[in-house]
């Protein structure tokens, strides 16, 4: 989340950007063979692992960032995992939880959480997304930054990571 990050001016721009990146992500995932979907890249993550990761973070976006529930409750982990909000701690826990799931289970879960998120975003007034995530945030960063970070930006980042992994495996 940089200072020069693109920000939508209204709900339509936001939803269009999310849908565009989502469609690119799903089209790419659907184009993969089962072998490609489960082949780990140089970091040990398969496309299936990347997709499960995206589903986890959309779930976290809704429960933690938007509903403001405690992170450990949203993630279903101990408080130790979320203490300090360290991705080097959190992401491996989420990876382990999902690594043995089937392709169809991951894809079904991904699509389900995406649809839940879209419903939640559609129901949220755009003005609410422009409000600070935390009242005590000295930077007054809006919830919208986390929405973009866990949707458009995250979808693009992981799609590009998966594309690179597939290219390097060829």
C-alpha atoms as a PDB file:
ATOM      1  CA  UNK A   1       0.000   0.000   0.000  1.00  0.00           C
ATOM      2  CA  UNK A   2       1.996   2.927  -1.305  1.00  0.00           C
ATOM      3  CA  UNK A   3       1.277   6.642  -1.299  1.00  0.00           C
ATOM      4  CA  UNK A   4       0.979   6.581  -5.090  1.00  0.00           C
ATOM      5  CA  UNK A   5      -1.536   3.766  -5.174  1.00  0.00           C
ATOM      6  CA  UNK A   6      -4.501   3.987  -7.536  1.00  0.00           C
ATOM      7  CA  UNK A   7      -7.707   4.770  -5.699  1.00  0.00           C
ATOM      8  CA  UNK A   8     -11.150   4.382  -7.227  1.00  0.00           C
ATOM      9  CA  UNK A   9     -13.312   7.462  -7.187  1.00  0.00           C
ATOM     10  CA  UNK A  10     -16.571   5.600  -6.626  1.00  0.00           C
ATOM     11  CA  UNK A  11     -18.129   2.201  -6.012  1.00  0.00           C
ATOM     12  CA  UNK A  12     -18.490   1.438  -9.734  1.00  0.00           C
ATOM     13  CA  UNK A  13     -14.762   1.993 -10.361  1.00  0.00           C
ATOM     14  CA  UNK A  14     -13.902  -0.176  -7.359  1.00  0.00           C
ATOM     15  CA  UNK A  15     -16.182  -3.051  -8.323  1.00  0.00           C
ATOM     16  CA  UNK A  16     -15.077  -2.914 -11.977  1.00  0.00           C
ATOM     17  CA  UNK A  17     -11.400  -3.086 -10.988  1.00  0.00           C
ATOM     18  CA  UNK A  18     -12.033  -6.020  -8.649  1.00  0.00           C
ATOM     19  CA  UNK A  19     -14.052  -7.867 -11.279  1.00  0.00           C
ATOM     20  CA  UNK A  20     -11.407  -7.277 -13.960  1.00  0.00           C
ATOM     21  CA  UNK A  21      -8.577  -8.708 -11.820  1.00  0.00           C
ATOM     22  CA  UNK A  22     -10.802 -11.529 -10.572  1.00  0.00           C
ATOM     23  CA  UNK A  23     -11.683 -12.572 -14.128  1.00  0.00           C
ATOM     24  CA  UNK A  24      -8.014 -12.593 -15.153  1.00  0.00           C
ATOM     25  CA  UNK A  25      -7.170 -14.692 -12.101  1.00  0.00           C
ATOM     26  CA  UNK A  26      -9.930 -17.257 -12.643  1.00  0.00           C
ATOM     27  CA  UNK A  27      -9.278 -17.494 -16.393  1.00  0.00           C
ATOM     28  CA  UNK A  28      -5.645 -18.241 -15.662  1.00  0.00           C
ATOM     29  CA  UNK A  29      -6.480 -20.804 -12.963  1.00  0.00           C
ATOM     30  CA  UNK A  30      -9.020 -22.515 -15.211  1.00  0.00           C
ATOM     31  CA  UNK A  31      -6.419 -22.783 -17.995  1.00  0.00           C
ATOM     32  CA  UNK A  32      -4.069 -24.883 -15.857  1.00  0.00           C
ATOM     33  CA  UNK A  33      -3.884 -28.636 -15.979  1.00  0.00           C
ATOM     34  CA  UNK A  34      -4.177 -30.537 -12.707  1.00  0.00           C
ATOM     35  CA  UNK A  35      -0.424 -31.153 -12.870  1.00  0.00           C
ATOM     36  CA  UNK A  36       0.331 -27.447 -13.323  1.00  0.00           C
ATOM     37  CA  UNK A  37      -2.141 -26.507 -10.579  1.00  0.00           C
ATOM     38  CA  UNK A  38      -0.277 -28.604  -8.011  1.00  0.00           C
ATOM     39  CA  UNK A  39       3.329 -28.090  -9.157  1.00  0.00           C
ATOM     40  CA  UNK A  40       5.262 -25.985  -6.628  1.00  0.00           C
ATOM     41  CA  UNK A  41       7.286 -22.997  -7.799  1.00  0.00           C
ATOM     42  CA  UNK A  42      10.782 -22.105  -6.571  1.00  0.00           C
ATOM     43  CA  UNK A  43       9.253 -20.866  -3.285  1.00  0.00           C
ATOM     44  CA  UNK A  44       7.386 -24.146  -2.757  1.00  0.00           C
ATOM     45  CA  UNK A  45       3.917 -22.779  -3.534  1.00  0.00           C
ATOM     46  CA  UNK A  46       1.736 -24.276  -6.236  1.00  0.00           C
ATOM     47  CA  UNK A  47      -0.948 -22.257  -8.036  1.00  0.00           C
ATOM     48  CA  UNK A  48      -3.464 -24.100  -5.834  1.00  0.00           C
ATOM     49  CA  UNK A  49      -1.606 -22.823  -2.752  1.00  0.00           C
ATOM     50  CA  UNK A  50      -1.676 -19.265  -4.110  1.00  0.00           C
ATOM     51  CA  UNK A  51      -5.429 -19.495  -4.703  1.00  0.00           C
ATOM     52  CA  UNK A  52      -6.086 -20.861  -1.210  1.00  0.00           C
ATOM     53  CA  UNK A  53      -3.984 -17.985   0.140  1.00  0.00           C
ATOM     54  CA  UNK A  54      -6.135 -15.447  -1.729  1.00  0.00           C
ATOM     55  CA  UNK A  55      -9.305 -16.990  -0.305  1.00  0.00           C
ATOM     56  CA  UNK A  56      -7.882 -16.791   3.218  1.00  0.00           C
ATOM     57  CA  UNK A  57      -7.045 -13.105   2.814  1.00  0.00           C
ATOM     58  CA  UNK A  58     -10.439 -12.202   1.351  1.00  0.00           C
ATOM     59  CA  UNK A  59     -11.938 -13.892   4.415  1.00  0.00           C
ATOM     60  CA  UNK A  60      -9.587 -11.878   6.662  1.00  0.00           C
ATOM     61  CA  UNK A  61     -10.520  -8.691   4.796  1.00  0.00           C
ATOM     62  CA  UNK A  62     -14.185  -9.238   5.584  1.00  0.00           C
ATOM     63  CA  UNK A  63     -13.871 -10.444   9.165  1.00  0.00           C
ATOM     64  CA  UNK A  64     -10.941  -8.431  10.464  1.00  0.00           C
ATOM     65  CA  UNK A  65     -10.703  -5.276   8.386  1.00  0.00           C
ATOM     66  CA  UNK A  66     -14.357  -4.697   7.560  1.00  0.00           C
ATOM     67  CA  UNK A  67     -16.197  -6.275  10.512  1.00  0.00           C
ATOM     68  CA  UNK A  68     -13.363  -5.463  12.950  1.00  0.00           C
ATOM     69  CA  UNK A  69     -13.410  -8.827  14.667  1.00  0.00           C
ATOM     70  CA  UNK A  70     -10.204 -10.024  16.358  1.00  0.00           C
ATOM     71  CA  UNK A  71      -7.733 -11.339  13.766  1.00  0.00           C
ATOM     72  CA  UNK A  72      -7.064 -14.630  15.543  1.00  0.00           C
ATOM     73  CA  UNK A  73     -10.807 -15.365  15.707  1.00  0.00           C
ATOM     74  CA  UNK A  74     -11.293 -14.571  12.020  1.00  0.00           C
ATOM     75  CA  UNK A  75      -8.352 -16.795  11.058  1.00  0.00           C
ATOM     76  CA  UNK A  76      -9.176 -19.539  13.524  1.00  0.00           C
ATOM     77  CA  UNK A  77      -5.670 -19.494  15.013  1.00  0.00           C
ATOM     78  CA  UNK A  78      -4.114 -18.728  18.390  1.00  0.00           C
ATOM     79  CA  UNK A  79      -3.463 -15.111  19.329  1.00  0.00           C
ATOM     80  CA  UNK A  80       0.279 -15.845  19.104  1.00  0.00           C
ATOM     81  CA  UNK A  81      -0.034 -16.252  15.327  1.00  0.00           C
ATOM     82  CA  UNK A  82      -1.530 -12.802  14.786  1.00  0.00           C
ATOM     83  CA  UNK A  83       0.498 -10.979  17.431  1.00  0.00           C
ATOM     84  CA  UNK A  84       2.608  -8.382  15.634  1.00  0.00           C
ATOM     85  CA  UNK A  85       0.782  -9.028  12.344  1.00  0.00           C
ATOM     86  CA  UNK A  86       3.902 -10.734  10.924  1.00  0.00           C
ATOM     87  CA  UNK A  87       3.289 -12.239   7.475  1.00  0.00           C
ATOM     88  CA  UNK A  88       6.301 -14.531   7.992  1.00  0.00           C
ATOM     89  CA  UNK A  89       4.303 -16.131  10.809  1.00  0.00           C
ATOM     90  CA  UNK A  90       0.740 -15.857   9.487  1.00  0.00           C
ATOM     91  CA  UNK A  91       1.197 -16.982   5.883  1.00  0.00           C
ATOM     92  CA  UNK A  92       2.980 -20.274   6.707  1.00  0.00           C
ATOM     93  CA  UNK A  93       0.160 -21.178   9.123  1.00  0.00           C
ATOM     94  CA  UNK A  94      -2.428 -20.504   6.413  1.00  0.00           C
ATOM     95  CA  UNK A  95      -0.319 -22.433   3.886  1.00  0.00           C
ATOM     96  CA  UNK A  96      -0.129 -25.500   6.140  1.00  0.00           C
ATOM     97  CA  UNK A  97      -3.860 -25.425   6.734  1.00  0.00           C
ATOM     98  CA  UNK A  98      -4.622 -25.499   3.016  1.00  0.00           C
ATOM     99  CA  UNK A  99      -1.787 -27.424   1.363  1.00  0.00           C
ATOM    100  CA  UNK A 100      -3.562 -30.796   1.215  1.00  0.00           C
ATOM    101  CA  UNK A 101      -6.878 -29.531  -0.133  1.00  0.00           C
ATOM    102  CA  UNK A 102      -7.986 -30.640  -3.590  1.00  0.00           C
ATOM    103  CA  UNK A 103      -8.086 -28.339  -6.585  1.00  0.00           C
ATOM    104  CA  UNK A 104     -11.860 -28.411  -6.693  1.00  0.00           C
ATOM    105  CA  UNK A 105     -12.151 -27.715  -2.967  1.00  0.00           C
ATOM    106  CA  UNK A 106      -9.788 -24.730  -3.228  1.00  0.00           C
ATOM    107  CA  UNK A 107     -11.536 -23.361  -6.318  1.00  0.00           C
ATOM    108  CA  UNK A 108     -14.992 -23.812  -4.789  1.00  0.00           C
ATOM    109  CA  UNK A 109     -13.842 -22.118  -1.590  1.00  0.00           C
ATOM    110  CA  UNK A 110     -12.185 -19.290  -3.504  1.00  0.00           C
ATOM    111  CA  UNK A 111     -15.329 -18.601  -5.526  1.00  0.00           C
ATOM    112  CA  UNK A 112     -17.549 -18.813  -2.451  1.00  0.00           C
ATOM    113  CA  UNK A 113     -15.522 -16.317  -0.429  1.00  0.00           C
ATOM    114  CA  UNK A 114     -15.231 -14.021  -3.457  1.00  0.00           C
ATOM    115  CA  UNK A 115     -19.006 -14.003  -3.875  1.00  0.00           C
ATOM    116  CA  UNK A 116     -19.446 -13.283  -0.159  1.00  0.00           C
ATOM    117  CA  UNK A 117     -16.985 -10.415  -0.406  1.00  0.00           C
ATOM    118  CA  UNK A 118     -18.693  -8.948  -3.465  1.00  0.00           C
ATOM    119  CA  UNK A 119     -22.054  -9.059  -1.662  1.00  0.00           C
ATOM    120  CA  UNK A 120     -20.493  -7.344   1.356  1.00  0.00           C
ATOM    121  CA  UNK A 121     -18.840  -4.667  -0.770  1.00  0.00           C
ATOM    122  CA  UNK A 122     -22.008  -4.060  -2.774  1.00  0.00           C
ATOM    123  CA  UNK A 123     -23.908  -3.533   0.486  1.00  0.00           C
ATOM    124  CA  UNK A 124     -21.301  -1.149   1.927  1.00  0.00           C
ATOM    125  CA  UNK A 125     -21.668   2.543   1.105  1.00  0.00           C
ATOM    126  CA  UNK A 126     -18.550   3.764  -0.708  1.00  0.00           C
ATOM    127  CA  UNK A 127     -18.228   6.514   1.900  1.00  0.00           C
ATOM    128  CA  UNK A 128     -17.825   3.841   4.604  1.00  0.00           C
ATOM    129  CA  UNK A 129     -14.856   2.391   2.707  1.00  0.00           C
ATOM    130  CA  UNK A 130     -13.231   5.826   2.771  1.00  0.00           C
ATOM    131  CA  UNK A 131     -13.316   5.945   6.581  1.00  0.00           C
ATOM    132  CA  UNK A 132     -10.128   5.180   8.540  1.00  0.00           C
ATOM    133  CA  UNK A 133      -9.572   1.489   9.275  1.00  0.00           C
ATOM    134  CA  UNK A 134      -8.727   2.323  12.881  1.00  0.00           C
ATOM    135  CA  UNK A 135      -9.739   5.457  14.773  1.00  0.00           C
ATOM    136  CA  UNK A 136      -6.252   5.633  16.312  1.00  0.00           C
ATOM    137  CA  UNK A 137      -4.396   5.406  12.974  1.00  0.00           C
ATOM    138  CA  UNK A 138      -2.297   8.590  12.780  1.00  0.00           C
ATOM    139  CA  UNK A 139      -2.285   8.266   8.969  1.00  0.00           C
ATOM    140  CA  UNK A 140      -6.096   7.873   8.861  1.00  0.00           C
ATOM    141  CA  UNK A 141      -5.744   5.154   6.182  1.00  0.00           C
ATOM    142  CA  UNK A 142      -9.129   4.196   4.756  1.00  0.00           C
ATOM    143  CA  UNK A 143     -10.539   0.665   4.783  1.00  0.00           C
ATOM    144  CA  UNK A 144     -10.450   0.950   0.998  1.00  0.00           C
ATOM    145  CA  UNK A 145      -6.673   0.448   1.071  1.00  0.00           C
ATOM    146  CA  UNK A 146      -7.156  -3.005   2.578  1.00  0.00           C
ATOM    147  CA  UNK A 147      -9.987  -3.767   0.154  1.00  0.00           C
ATOM    148  CA  UNK A 148      -7.661  -3.034  -2.762  1.00  0.00           C
ATOM    149  CA  UNK A 149      -4.756  -4.796  -1.078  1.00  0.00           C
ATOM    150  CA  UNK A 150      -6.717  -8.016  -0.593  1.00  0.00           C
ATOM    151  CA  UNK A 151      -8.518  -7.938  -3.953  1.00  0.00           C
ATOM    152  CA  UNK A 152      -7.216  -6.200  -7.087  1.00  0.00           C
ATOM    153  CA  UNK A 153      -3.602  -5.893  -5.975  1.00  0.00           C
ATOM    154  CA  UNK A 154      -3.462  -9.331  -4.360  1.00  0.00           C
ATOM    155  CA  UNK A 155      -5.179 -11.017  -7.325  1.00  0.00           C
ATOM    156  CA  UNK A 156      -2.711  -9.436  -9.744  1.00  0.00           C
ATOM    157  CA  UNK A 157       0.318 -10.189  -7.566  1.00  0.00           C
ATOM    158  CA  UNK A 158      -0.516 -13.875  -7.210  1.00  0.00           C
ATOM    159  CA  UNK A 159      -1.638 -14.305 -10.824  1.00  0.00           C
ATOM    160  CA  UNK A 160       1.720 -12.920 -11.943  1.00  0.00           C
ATOM    161  CA  UNK A 161       3.528 -15.152  -9.448  1.00  0.00           C
ATOM    162  CA  UNK A 162       1.670 -18.216 -10.754  1.00  0.00           C
ATOM    163  CA  UNK A 163       2.286 -17.242 -14.399  1.00  0.00           C
ATOM    164  CA  UNK A 164       5.997 -16.869 -13.671  1.00  0.00           C
ATOM    165  CA  UNK A 165       6.081 -20.232 -11.896  1.00  0.00           C
ATOM    166  CA  UNK A 166       4.411 -21.944 -14.856  1.00  0.00           C
ATOM    167  CA  UNK A 167       6.771 -20.236 -17.354  1.00  0.00           C
ATOM    168  CA  UNK A 168       9.826 -21.260 -15.329  1.00  0.00           C
ATOM    169  CA  UNK A 169       8.582 -24.853 -15.110  1.00  0.00           C
ATOM    170  CA  UNK A 170       8.254 -25.101 -18.910  1.00  0.00           C
END
